[in-house]
Amino acid sequence: MDTEAFEANLRKRGIVLKVFDTKEEAASYLTQAIKGKTVGFGGSMTLEEMGLYEKLKPANTLYWHWRQEMTGDEAKAKAYTADVYITSLNGVAETGELVNIDGSGNRVAATLTKHECVYFVVGENKMAPDLHSAIHRARNVASPLNAQRLHRKTPCAVKADRCYDCKSPERICCTLNIIWEKPMQVERCELILIRENLGY
């Protein structure tokens, strides 16, 4: 990947790129950048693998429905209106588009609403050459793996090979979001790219 070209493509879309060699370096940057804030977390194996919740907790007030400090619905509601929102992506196009697939839509919706900053934290395994490839990755790589992780009874979870566009009641890919430009209500948008394979 041509990092300079990728950064230029993001910059034209109002998105700032930060690149780190390791998840530890990325976590250190985020713990320095985010202090004294309310922080919402979107469901993400990348953030889980980084231990980011635990690293940010001493200096911030955090809301994540994956943690049992309040009900899931309460955490989602508070995350939606937090100062800062952090999540990952299912696919990132080198041309600059950011792709996420969601089930309930809480993670996607929260990336579009008013925050001081939205951070998208991704491993290099999420990268794809163009928008079509990024969508293909989100549907046929990330979604089956997440369905397996959640023990869903869907064709993609059973076969773990591709999206079947199923009509299963346990389907988790109910909405697709493509960010072409920094959302209007978000003051700052950063893509944190880590040169490791993280999450799905």
N, C-alpha and C. Protein backbone atom coordinates (compact mmCIF):
# COMPACT_ATOMS: atom_id res chain seq x y z
N MET A 1 0.84 -1.20 0.00
CA MET A 1 0.00 0.00 0.00
C MET A 1 0.87 1.25 0.00
N ASP A 2 0.47 2.23 -0.77
CA ASP A 2 1.15 3.52 -0.80
C ASP A 2 0.55 4.38 0.32
N THR A 3 1.25 4.47 1.44
CA THR A 3 0.72 5.17 2.62
C THR A 3 0.51 6.65 2.35
N GLU A 4 1.42 7.26 1.59
CA GLU A 4 1.28 8.69 1.29
C GLU A 4 0.02 8.95 0.47
N ALA A 5 -0.24 8.10 -0.51
CA ALA A 5 -1.44 8.27 -1.33
C ALA A 5 -2.69 8.04 -0.49
N PHE A 6 -2.65 7.03 0.38
CA PHE A 6 -3.78 6.75 1.26
C PHE A 6 -4.06 7.93 2.18
N GLU A 7 -3.01 8.49 2.76
CA GLU A 7 -3.17 9.65 3.63
C GLU A 7 -3.77 10.83 2.88
N ALA A 8 -3.33 11.04 1.64
CA ALA A 8 -3.87 12.13 0.82
C ALA A 8 -5.35 11.90 0.52
N ASN A 9 -5.72 10.65 0.23
CA ASN A 9 -7.12 10.34 -0.05
C ASN A 9 -7.99 10.58 1.17
N LEU A 10 -7.49 10.24 2.36
CA LEU A 10 -8.24 10.51 3.59
C LEU A 10 -8.33 12.00 3.86
N ARG A 11 -7.23 12.71 3.68
CA ARG A 11 -7.20 14.14 3.96
C ARG A 11 -8.23 14.89 3.12
N LYS A 12 -8.38 14.49 1.86
CA LYS A 12 -9.38 15.12 0.99
C LYS A 12 -10.79 14.90 1.51
N ARG A 13 -10.96 13.87 2.31
CA ARG A 13 -12.27 13.54 2.87
C ARG A 13 -12.45 14.08 4.28
N GLY A 14 -11.45 14.81 4.77
CA GLY A 14 -11.54 15.41 6.10
C GLY A 14 -11.17 14.48 7.23
N ILE A 15 -10.45 13.41 6.90
CA ILE A 15 -10.08 12.40 7.90
C ILE A 15 -8.57 12.40 8.08
N VAL A 16 -8.13 12.40 9.33
CA VAL A 16 -6.70 12.43 9.69
C VAL A 16 -6.19 11.00 9.83
N LEU A 17 -5.03 10.70 9.27
CA LEU A 17 -4.42 9.38 9.39
C LEU A 17 -3.26 9.41 10.39
N LYS A 18 -3.25 8.45 11.30
CA LYS A 18 -2.11 8.21 12.18
C LYS A 18 -1.71 6.75 12.01
N VAL A 19 -0.41 6.50 11.82
CA VAL A 19 0.07 5.14 11.56
C VAL A 19 1.03 4.71 12.67
N PHE A 20 0.82 3.49 13.18
CA PHE A 20 1.67 2.94 14.24
C PHE A 20 2.08 1.53 13.88
N ASP A 21 3.27 1.15 14.31
CA ASP A 21 3.78 -0.19 14.02
C ASP A 21 3.13 -1.26 14.89
N THR A 22 2.77 -0.90 16.12
CA THR A 22 2.22 -1.89 17.04
C THR A 22 0.97 -1.36 17.74
N LYS A 23 0.19 -2.30 18.27
CA LYS A 23 -1.01 -1.91 19.02
C LYS A 23 -0.65 -1.19 20.30
N GLU A 24 0.52 -1.50 20.87
CA GLU A 24 0.96 -0.81 22.08
C GLU A 24 1.26 0.66 21.80
N GLU A 25 1.89 0.93 20.67
CA GLU A 25 2.18 2.33 20.29
C GLU A 25 0.89 3.10 20.05
N ALA A 26 -0.07 2.46 19.38
CA ALA A 26 -1.36 3.11 19.11
C ALA A 26 -2.10 3.38 20.41
N ALA A 27 -2.09 2.41 21.32
CA ALA A 27 -2.77 2.60 22.61
C ALA A 27 -2.12 3.72 23.41
N SER A 28 -0.79 3.82 23.36
CA SER A 28 -0.09 4.90 24.06
C SER A 28 -0.50 6.25 23.51
N TYR A 29 -0.60 6.36 22.19
CA TYR A 29 -1.04 7.62 21.57
C TYR A 29 -2.44 7.99 22.04
N LEU A 30 -3.35 7.03 22.05
CA LEU A 30 -4.73 7.31 22.42
C LEU A 30 -4.86 7.66 23.90
N THR A 31 -4.08 7.03 24.75
CA THR A 31 -4.15 7.36 26.18
C THR A 31 -3.61 8.77 26.45
N GLN A 32 -2.69 9.24 25.62
CA GLN A 32 -2.20 10.61 25.75
C GLN A 32 -3.19 11.62 25.17
N ALA A 33 -3.85 11.22 24.08
CA ALA A 33 -4.76 12.15 23.38
C ALA A 33 -6.10 12.28 24.08
N ILE A 34 -6.52 11.27 24.83
CA ILE A 34 -7.86 11.25 25.43
C ILE A 34 -7.74 11.24 26.95
N LYS A 35 -8.01 12.37 27.55
CA LYS A 35 -7.95 12.48 29.01
C LYS A 35 -9.09 13.37 29.48
N GLY A 36 -9.75 12.95 30.56
CA GLY A 36 -10.83 13.75 31.13
C GLY A 36 -12.06 13.83 30.25
N LYS A 37 -12.31 12.80 29.45
CA LYS A 37 -13.43 12.79 28.51
C LYS A 37 -14.42 11.68 28.86
N THR A 38 -15.64 11.84 28.36
CA THR A 38 -16.55 10.70 28.29
C THR A 38 -16.27 10.03 26.95
N VAL A 39 -16.13 8.71 26.99
CA VAL A 39 -15.71 7.96 25.80
C VAL A 39 -16.66 6.80 25.55
N GLY A 40 -17.24 6.76 24.37
CA GLY A 40 -18.08 5.64 23.96
C GLY A 40 -17.28 4.65 23.14
N PHE A 41 -17.52 3.37 23.37
CA PHE A 41 -16.88 2.30 22.63
C PHE A 41 -17.92 1.57 21.78
N GLY A 42 -17.57 1.30 20.54
CA GLY A 42 -18.39 0.43 19.71
C GLY A 42 -17.81 -0.97 19.75
N GLY A 43 -18.66 -1.98 19.62
CA GLY A 43 -18.21 -3.36 19.65
C GLY A 43 -17.06 -3.59 18.69
N SER A 44 -15.94 -4.13 19.18
CA SER A 44 -14.74 -4.26 18.36
C SER A 44 -13.75 -5.23 18.98
N MET A 45 -13.43 -6.28 18.24
CA MET A 45 -12.38 -7.19 18.69
C MET A 45 -11.02 -6.51 18.64
N THR A 46 -10.83 -5.56 17.75
CA THR A 46 -9.57 -4.81 17.69
C THR A 46 -9.31 -4.09 19.00
N LEU A 47 -10.31 -3.36 19.50
CA LEU A 47 -10.16 -2.65 20.77
C LEU A 47 -9.97 -3.61 21.92
N GLU A 48 -10.66 -4.76 21.85
CA GLU A 48 -10.51 -5.77 22.89
C GLU A 48 -9.08 -6.31 22.91
N GLU A 49 -8.54 -6.62 21.73
CA GLU A 49 -7.18 -7.16 21.65
C GLU A 49 -6.13 -6.15 22.11
N MET A 50 -6.44 -4.87 21.99
CA MET A 50 -5.52 -3.83 22.44
C MET A 50 -5.60 -3.59 23.94
N GLY A 51 -6.67 -4.08 24.59
CA GLY A 51 -6.89 -3.75 25.99
C GLY A 51 -7.14 -2.27 26.19
N LEU A 52 -7.77 -1.64 25.18
CA LEU A 52 -7.88 -0.18 25.20
C LEU A 52 -8.83 0.33 26.28
N TYR A 53 -9.88 -0.42 26.57
CA TYR A 53 -10.81 0.01 27.62
C TYR A 53 -10.09 0.18 28.94
N GLU A 54 -9.30 -0.82 29.29
CA GLU A 54 -8.57 -0.79 30.56
C GLU A 54 -7.51 0.31 30.57
N LYS A 55 -6.92 0.59 29.44
CA LYS A 55 -5.89 1.62 29.37
C LYS A 55 -6.46 3.04 29.48
N LEU A 56 -7.67 3.24 28.94
CA LEU A 56 -8.28 4.57 28.98
C LEU A 56 -9.08 4.83 30.26
N LYS A 57 -9.46 3.78 30.96
CA LYS A 57 -10.37 3.94 32.10
C LYS A 57 -9.84 4.83 33.23
N PRO A 58 -8.54 4.78 33.58
CA PRO A 58 -8.10 5.60 34.71
C PRO A 58 -8.30 7.10 34.54
N ALA A 59 -8.28 7.60 33.30
CA ALA A 59 -8.34 9.05 33.09
C ALA A 59 -9.63 9.52 32.43
N ASN A 60 -10.59 8.61 32.23
CA ASN A 60 -11.81 8.96 31.49
C ASN A 60 -13.01 8.22 32.07
N THR A 61 -14.20 8.63 31.63
CA THR A 61 -15.43 7.92 31.95
C THR A 61 -15.86 7.17 30.70
N LEU A 62 -15.91 5.84 30.79
CA LEU A 62 -16.10 5.01 29.60
C LEU A 62 -17.46 4.32 29.58
N TYR A 63 -18.00 4.16 28.36
CA TYR A 63 -19.28 3.47 28.16
C TYR A 63 -19.11 2.43 27.06
N TRP A 64 -19.23 1.15 27.46
CA TRP A 64 -19.11 0.08 26.47
C TRP A 64 -20.06 -1.03 26.86
N HIS A 65 -20.95 -1.39 25.96
CA HIS A 65 -21.94 -2.43 26.26
C HIS A 65 -21.30 -3.81 26.38
N TRP A 66 -20.03 -3.95 26.04
CA TRP A 66 -19.32 -5.21 26.26
C TRP A 66 -18.84 -5.36 27.70
N ARG A 67 -18.92 -4.30 28.49
CA ARG A 67 -18.54 -4.37 29.90
C ARG A 67 -19.79 -4.29 30.76
N GLN A 68 -19.77 -4.91 31.92
CA GLN A 68 -20.98 -5.08 32.72
C GLN A 68 -21.12 -4.03 33.82
N GLU A 69 -20.72 -2.80 33.55
CA GLU A 69 -20.83 -1.77 34.58
C GLU A 69 -22.21 -1.10 34.58
N MET A 70 -22.98 -1.34 33.51
CA MET A 70 -24.36 -0.88 33.42
C MET A 70 -25.03 -1.74 32.37
N THR A 71 -26.33 -1.58 32.19
CA THR A 71 -26.99 -2.41 31.18
C THR A 71 -26.49 -2.03 29.79
N GLY A 72 -26.62 -2.98 28.87
CA GLY A 72 -26.16 -2.74 27.51
C GLY A 72 -26.84 -1.55 26.87
N ASP A 73 -28.16 -1.41 27.07
CA ASP A 73 -28.89 -0.28 26.47
C ASP A 73 -28.43 1.05 27.05
N GLU A 74 -28.17 1.07 28.36
CA GLU A 74 -27.69 2.31 28.99
C GLU A 74 -26.31 2.70 28.43
N ALA A 75 -25.45 1.71 28.31
CA ALA A 75 -24.10 1.99 27.79
C ALA A 75 -24.15 2.49 26.36
N LYS A 76 -25.01 1.89 25.54
CA LYS A 76 -25.13 2.32 24.14
C LYS A 76 -25.65 3.76 24.06
N ALA A 77 -26.62 4.10 24.90
CA ALA A 77 -27.18 5.45 24.89
C ALA A 77 -26.14 6.49 25.30
N LYS A 78 -25.37 6.17 26.34
CA LYS A 78 -24.36 7.11 26.80
C LYS A 78 -23.20 7.20 25.81
N ALA A 79 -22.85 6.10 25.17
CA ALA A 79 -21.79 6.11 24.17
C ALA A 79 -22.17 7.01 23.00
N TYR A 80 -23.43 7.02 22.66
CA TYR A 80 -23.94 7.81 21.52
C TYR A 80 -23.72 9.30 21.72
N THR A 81 -23.74 9.76 22.99
CA THR A 81 -23.60 11.20 23.27
C THR A 81 -22.27 11.54 23.95
N ALA A 82 -21.33 10.61 23.95
CA ALA A 82 -20.04 10.85 24.61
C ALA A 82 -19.22 11.90 23.87
N ASP A 83 -18.24 12.48 24.58
CA ASP A 83 -17.34 13.45 23.95
C ASP A 83 -16.59 12.81 22.78
N VAL A 84 -16.15 11.58 23.00
CA VAL A 84 -15.31 10.87 22.03
C VAL A 84 -15.92 9.50 21.77
N TYR A 85 -15.82 9.04 20.54
CA TYR A 85 -16.30 7.69 20.21
C TYR A 85 -15.17 6.92 19.53
N ILE A 86 -15.01 5.65 19.94
CA ILE A 86 -13.95 4.81 19.39
C ILE A 86 -14.54 3.49 18.93
N THR A 87 -14.18 3.09 17.72
CA THR A 87 -14.58 1.78 17.23
C THR A 87 -13.60 1.35 16.17
N SER A 88 -13.92 0.27 15.46
CA SER A 88 -13.08 -0.17 14.36
C SER A 88 -13.90 -0.14 13.08
N LEU A 89 -13.39 -0.77 12.05
CA LEU A 89 -14.06 -0.84 10.76
C LEU A 89 -13.97 -2.26 10.24
N ASN A 90 -14.91 -2.63 9.36
CA ASN A 90 -14.86 -3.94 8.74
C ASN A 90 -14.09 -3.93 7.43
N GLY A 91 -13.93 -2.75 6.86
CA GLY A 91 -13.17 -2.62 5.62
C GLY A 91 -12.74 -1.18 5.42
N VAL A 92 -11.53 -1.00 4.89
CA VAL A 92 -11.00 0.34 4.62
C VAL A 92 -10.44 0.34 3.21
N ALA A 93 -10.94 1.23 2.37
CA ALA A 93 -10.45 1.32 1.00
C ALA A 93 -9.25 2.25 0.94
N GLU A 94 -8.24 1.88 0.18
CA GLU A 94 -7.08 2.75 -0.01
C GLU A 94 -7.48 4.06 -0.67
N THR A 95 -8.63 4.06 -1.33
CA THR A 95 -9.16 5.28 -1.94
C THR A 95 -9.83 6.20 -0.91
N GLY A 96 -9.95 5.72 0.35
CA GLY A 96 -10.39 6.59 1.43
C GLY A 96 -11.74 6.32 2.03
N GLU A 97 -12.53 5.43 1.45
CA GLU A 97 -13.85 5.13 2.01
C GLU A 97 -13.73 4.17 3.20
N LEU A 98 -14.59 4.37 4.20
CA LEU A 98 -14.59 3.57 5.42
C LEU A 98 -15.90 2.78 5.48
N VAL A 99 -15.81 1.47 5.70
CA VAL A 99 -16.97 0.59 5.59
C VAL A 99 -17.23 -0.14 6.90
N ASN A 100 -18.48 -0.13 7.34
CA ASN A 100 -18.90 -0.90 8.51
C ASN A 100 -20.23 -1.59 8.25
N ILE A 101 -20.34 -2.81 8.74
CA ILE A 101 -21.60 -3.56 8.73
C ILE A 101 -22.03 -3.74 10.18
N ASP A 102 -23.33 -3.62 10.43
CA ASP A 102 -23.82 -3.68 11.80
C ASP A 102 -25.14 -4.44 11.85
N GLY A 103 -25.46 -4.93 13.04
CA GLY A 103 -26.72 -5.63 13.25
C GLY A 103 -27.79 -4.69 13.77
N SER A 104 -27.63 -4.18 15.00
CA SER A 104 -28.61 -3.26 15.58
C SER A 104 -28.43 -1.84 15.07
N GLY A 105 -27.22 -1.52 14.59
CA GLY A 105 -26.96 -0.18 14.06
C GLY A 105 -26.40 0.80 15.06
N ASN A 106 -26.24 0.38 16.34
CA ASN A 106 -25.77 1.34 17.35
C ASN A 106 -24.36 1.82 17.05
N ARG A 107 -23.49 0.92 16.61
CA ARG A 107 -22.09 1.29 16.35
C ARG A 107 -22.00 2.22 15.14
N VAL A 108 -22.72 1.88 14.08
CA VAL A 108 -22.72 2.72 12.89
C VAL A 108 -23.30 4.09 13.21
N ALA A 109 -24.45 4.11 13.88
CA ALA A 109 -25.12 5.39 14.18
C ALA A 109 -24.24 6.30 15.01
N ALA A 110 -23.53 5.73 15.98
CA ALA A 110 -22.71 6.55 16.87
C ALA A 110 -21.52 7.18 16.15
N THR A 111 -21.07 6.61 15.04
CA THR A 111 -19.95 7.22 14.31
C THR A 111 -20.39 8.44 13.50
N LEU A 112 -21.70 8.66 13.40
CA LEU A 112 -22.22 9.74 12.56
C LEU A 112 -22.76 10.92 13.36
N THR A 113 -22.87 10.76 14.67
CA THR A 113 -23.48 11.80 15.48
C THR A 113 -22.42 12.72 16.09
N LYS A 114 -22.84 13.71 16.84
CA LYS A 114 -21.95 14.76 17.33
C LYS A 114 -20.96 14.23 18.37
N HIS A 115 -19.68 14.34 18.07
CA HIS A 115 -18.60 14.03 19.00
C HIS A 115 -17.45 15.00 18.74
N GLU A 116 -16.63 15.20 19.76
CA GLU A 116 -15.41 15.99 19.54
C GLU A 116 -14.48 15.27 18.58
N CYS A 117 -14.44 13.94 18.70
CA CYS A 117 -13.61 13.14 17.79
C CYS A 117 -14.17 11.73 17.71
N VAL A 118 -14.13 11.18 16.51
CA VAL A 118 -14.39 9.75 16.31
C VAL A 118 -13.07 9.13 15.85
N TYR A 119 -12.64 8.10 16.58
CA TYR A 119 -11.43 7.37 16.23
C TYR A 119 -11.82 6.00 15.66
N PHE A 120 -11.34 5.71 14.46
CA PHE A 120 -11.48 4.39 13.87
C PHE A 120 -10.12 3.71 13.99
N VAL A 121 -10.06 2.62 14.75
CA VAL A 121 -8.79 1.94 15.01
C VAL A 121 -8.79 0.62 14.22
N VAL A 122 -7.84 0.46 13.31
CA VAL A 122 -7.85 -0.71 12.43
C VAL A 122 -6.47 -1.33 12.29
N GLY A 123 -6.43 -2.65 12.18
CA GLY A 123 -5.22 -3.34 11.79
C GLY A 123 -5.08 -3.32 10.28
N GLU A 124 -3.88 -3.57 9.77
CA GLU A 124 -3.65 -3.50 8.33
C GLU A 124 -4.41 -4.58 7.57
N ASN A 125 -4.88 -5.62 8.27
CA ASN A 125 -5.68 -6.66 7.62
C ASN A 125 -7.03 -6.15 7.13
N LYS A 126 -7.45 -4.97 7.60
CA LYS A 126 -8.74 -4.41 7.16
C LYS A 126 -8.64 -3.65 5.83
N MET A 127 -7.40 -3.45 5.34
CA MET A 127 -7.20 -2.63 4.15
C MET A 127 -7.60 -3.40 2.88
N ALA A 128 -8.15 -2.66 1.93
CA ALA A 128 -8.53 -3.19 0.62
C ALA A 128 -8.21 -2.12 -0.43
N PRO A 129 -7.97 -2.52 -1.67
CA PRO A 129 -7.54 -1.54 -2.67
C PRO A 129 -8.57 -0.48 -3.04
N ASP A 130 -9.87 -0.83 -3.01
CA ASP A 130 -10.90 0.12 -3.44
C ASP A 130 -12.18 -0.16 -2.67
N LEU A 131 -13.20 0.67 -2.93
CA LEU A 131 -14.46 0.55 -2.18
C LEU A 131 -15.11 -0.81 -2.40
N HIS A 132 -15.17 -1.28 -3.65
CA HIS A 132 -15.79 -2.58 -3.92
C HIS A 132 -15.12 -3.68 -3.11
N SER A 133 -13.80 -3.65 -3.06
CA SER A 133 -13.05 -4.68 -2.32
C SER A 133 -13.27 -4.54 -0.82
N ALA A 134 -13.39 -3.31 -0.32
CA ALA A 134 -13.63 -3.08 1.11
C ALA A 134 -15.00 -3.61 1.52
N ILE A 135 -16.01 -3.39 0.68
CA ILE A 135 -17.35 -3.93 0.96
C ILE A 135 -17.31 -5.46 0.91
N HIS A 136 -16.62 -6.00 -0.08
CA HIS A 136 -16.51 -7.46 -0.20
C HIS A 136 -15.86 -8.04 1.06
N ARG A 137 -14.81 -7.37 1.54
CA ARG A 137 -14.15 -7.85 2.76
C ARG A 137 -15.10 -7.80 3.95
N ALA A 138 -15.83 -6.70 4.10
CA ALA A 138 -16.76 -6.55 5.22
C ALA A 138 -17.81 -7.65 5.21
N ARG A 139 -18.34 -7.96 4.02
CA ARG A 139 -19.42 -8.95 3.92
C ARG A 139 -18.91 -10.38 4.02
N ASN A 140 -17.77 -10.66 3.39
CA ASN A 140 -17.35 -12.05 3.20
C ASN A 140 -16.22 -12.51 4.10
N VAL A 141 -15.60 -11.59 4.82
CA VAL A 141 -14.55 -11.95 5.78
C VAL A 141 -15.00 -11.60 7.20
N ALA A 142 -15.26 -10.31 7.43
CA ALA A 142 -15.58 -9.86 8.80
C ALA A 142 -16.90 -10.42 9.31
N SER A 143 -17.94 -10.35 8.50
CA SER A 143 -19.27 -10.76 8.98
C SER A 143 -19.34 -12.25 9.33
N PRO A 144 -18.84 -13.17 8.49
CA PRO A 144 -18.87 -14.59 8.89
C PRO A 144 -18.09 -14.85 10.18
N LEU A 145 -16.93 -14.21 10.34
CA LEU A 145 -16.14 -14.43 11.55
C LEU A 145 -16.86 -13.89 12.78
N ASN A 146 -17.50 -12.75 12.66
CA ASN A 146 -18.26 -12.21 13.79
C ASN A 146 -19.48 -13.07 14.10
N ALA A 147 -20.14 -13.59 13.07
CA ALA A 147 -21.29 -14.47 13.30
C ALA A 147 -20.85 -15.75 14.03
N GLN A 148 -19.68 -16.27 13.66
CA GLN A 148 -19.14 -17.43 14.37
C GLN A 148 -18.84 -17.09 15.83
N ARG A 149 -18.21 -15.94 16.04
CA ARG A 149 -17.86 -15.53 17.41
C ARG A 149 -19.09 -15.43 18.29
N LEU A 150 -20.20 -14.99 17.70
CA LEU A 150 -21.44 -14.80 18.44
C LEU A 150 -22.32 -16.06 18.46
N HIS A 151 -21.82 -17.15 17.86
CA HIS A 151 -22.53 -18.43 17.83
C HIS A 151 -23.91 -18.30 17.18
N ARG A 152 -23.96 -17.55 16.09
CA ARG A 152 -25.22 -17.37 15.38
C ARG A 152 -25.50 -18.55 14.46
N LYS A 153 -26.77 -18.84 14.28
CA LYS A 153 -27.19 -19.91 13.38
C LYS A 153 -27.48 -19.31 12.00
N THR A 154 -26.40 -19.01 11.30
CA THR A 154 -26.50 -18.44 9.95
C THR A 154 -25.60 -19.26 9.02
N PRO A 155 -25.90 -19.28 7.73
CA PRO A 155 -25.05 -20.03 6.79
C PRO A 155 -23.59 -19.59 6.83
N CYS A 156 -23.36 -18.30 6.96
CA CYS A 156 -21.97 -17.81 6.95
C CYS A 156 -21.21 -18.28 8.19
N ALA A 157 -21.90 -18.40 9.32
CA ALA A 157 -21.24 -18.87 10.55
C ALA A 157 -20.93 -20.35 10.47
N VAL A 158 -21.83 -21.12 9.86
CA VAL A 158 -21.63 -22.56 9.74
C VAL A 158 -20.51 -22.89 8.78
N LYS A 159 -20.52 -22.23 7.62
CA LYS A 159 -19.55 -22.54 6.57
C LYS A 159 -18.31 -21.65 6.62
N ALA A 160 -18.45 -20.47 7.23
CA ALA A 160 -17.33 -19.54 7.43
C ALA A 160 -16.56 -19.25 6.14
N ASP A 161 -17.29 -19.11 5.03
CA ASP A 161 -16.59 -18.87 3.78
C ASP A 161 -17.03 -17.60 3.06
N ARG A 162 -18.30 -17.19 3.25
CA ARG A 162 -18.77 -16.01 2.54
C ARG A 162 -20.14 -15.60 3.07
N CYS A 163 -20.62 -14.45 2.61
CA CYS A 163 -21.98 -14.01 2.92
C CYS A 163 -22.95 -14.72 1.99
N TYR A 164 -24.06 -15.18 2.55
CA TYR A 164 -25.10 -15.84 1.76
C TYR A 164 -26.33 -14.94 1.60
N ASP A 165 -26.24 -13.70 2.06
CA ASP A 165 -27.37 -12.78 2.03
C ASP A 165 -28.62 -13.47 2.56
N CYS A 166 -28.46 -14.14 3.71
CA CYS A 166 -29.52 -14.97 4.25
C CYS A 166 -30.64 -14.12 4.86
N LYS A 167 -31.73 -14.77 5.13
CA LYS A 167 -32.86 -14.12 5.80
C LYS A 167 -33.05 -14.69 7.21
N SER A 168 -31.98 -15.22 7.77
CA SER A 168 -32.04 -15.81 9.10
C SER A 168 -32.41 -14.77 10.14
N PRO A 169 -33.23 -15.13 11.13
CA PRO A 169 -33.53 -14.19 12.22
C PRO A 169 -32.30 -13.86 13.06
N GLU A 170 -31.23 -14.65 12.92
CA GLU A 170 -30.01 -14.39 13.67
C GLU A 170 -28.95 -13.65 12.85
N ARG A 171 -29.35 -13.20 11.69
CA ARG A 171 -28.43 -12.44 10.83
C ARG A 171 -27.89 -11.22 11.57
N ILE A 172 -26.58 -10.96 11.45
CA ILE A 172 -25.99 -9.80 12.13
C ILE A 172 -25.64 -8.66 11.17
N CYS A 173 -25.69 -8.93 9.87
CA CYS A 173 -25.34 -7.87 8.91
C CYS A 173 -26.63 -7.27 8.36
N CYS A 174 -27.20 -6.36 9.14
CA CYS A 174 -28.49 -5.76 8.79
C CYS A 174 -28.35 -4.38 8.16
N THR A 175 -27.21 -3.75 8.35
CA THR A 175 -27.03 -2.41 7.79
C THR A 175 -25.58 -2.23 7.35
N LEU A 176 -25.41 -1.53 6.25
CA LEU A 176 -24.08 -1.24 5.71
C LEU A 176 -23.90 0.27 5.68
N ASN A 177 -22.78 0.75 6.22
CA ASN A 177 -22.51 2.18 6.21
C ASN A 177 -21.18 2.45 5.51
N ILE A 178 -21.18 3.42 4.62
CA ILE A 178 -19.96 3.87 3.95
C ILE A 178 -19.74 5.33 4.29
N ILE A 179 -18.60 5.63 4.89
CA ILE A 179 -18.25 7.03 5.15
C ILE A 179 -17.41 7.53 3.99
N TRP A 180 -17.98 8.46 3.23
CA TRP A 180 -17.26 9.08 2.11
C TRP A 180 -16.49 10.33 2.57
N GLU A 181 -17.08 11.02 3.54
CA GLU A 181 -16.47 12.25 4.06
C GLU A 181 -16.68 12.27 5.57
N LYS A 182 -15.87 13.04 6.29
CA LYS A 182 -16.09 13.21 7.73
C LYS A 182 -17.53 13.63 7.96
N PRO A 183 -18.27 12.90 8.81
CA PRO A 183 -19.66 13.28 9.09
C PRO A 183 -19.75 14.71 9.62
N MET A 184 -20.79 15.41 9.22
CA MET A 184 -20.92 16.84 9.51
C MET A 184 -20.85 17.17 10.99
N GLN A 185 -21.46 16.31 11.83
CA GLN A 185 -21.54 16.64 13.26
C GLN A 185 -20.29 16.24 14.04
N VAL A 186 -19.39 15.53 13.41
CA VAL A 186 -18.16 15.11 14.06
C VAL A 186 -17.10 16.20 13.86
N GLU A 187 -16.57 16.71 14.98
CA GLU A 187 -15.59 17.79 14.87
C GLU A 187 -14.28 17.32 14.26
N ARG A 188 -13.84 16.12 14.63
CA ARG A 188 -12.57 15.57 14.13
C ARG A 188 -12.73 14.07 13.94
N CYS A 189 -12.13 13.55 12.91
CA CYS A 189 -12.22 12.13 12.61
C CYS A 189 -10.81 11.62 12.32
N GLU A 190 -10.37 10.61 13.08
CA GLU A 190 -9.03 10.05 12.89
C GLU A 190 -9.11 8.56 12.58
N LEU A 191 -8.31 8.15 11.63
CA LEU A 191 -8.12 6.74 11.35
C LEU A 191 -6.77 6.33 11.92
N ILE A 192 -6.79 5.41 12.89
CA ILE A 192 -5.58 4.90 13.52
C ILE A 192 -5.25 3.58 12.83
N LEU A 193 -4.22 3.57 11.99
CA LEU A 193 -3.83 2.36 11.26
C LEU A 193 -2.64 1.72 11.97
N ILE A 194 -2.80 0.45 12.32
CA ILE A 194 -1.76 -0.29 13.03
C ILE A 194 -1.22 -1.37 12.09
N ARG A 195 0.08 -1.44 11.98
CA ARG A 195 0.71 -2.38 11.04
C ARG A 195 0.79 -3.79 11.64
N GLU A 196 -0.35 -4.25 12.11
CA GLU A 196 -0.51 -5.60 12.63
C GLU A 196 -1.88 -6.09 12.20
N ASN A 197 -2.09 -7.39 12.25
CA ASN A 197 -3.43 -7.95 12.01
C ASN A 197 -4.20 -7.94 13.32
N LEU A 198 -5.32 -7.24 13.33
CA LEU A 198 -6.13 -7.12 14.54
C LEU A 198 -7.60 -7.27 14.19
N GLY A 199 -8.33 -7.96 15.03
CA GLY A 199 -9.78 -8.10 14.83
C GLY A 199 -10.11 -8.81 13.54
N TYR A 200 -11.36 -8.61 13.11
CA TYR A 200 -11.87 -9.27 11.91
C TYR A 200 -12.04 -8.28 10.76
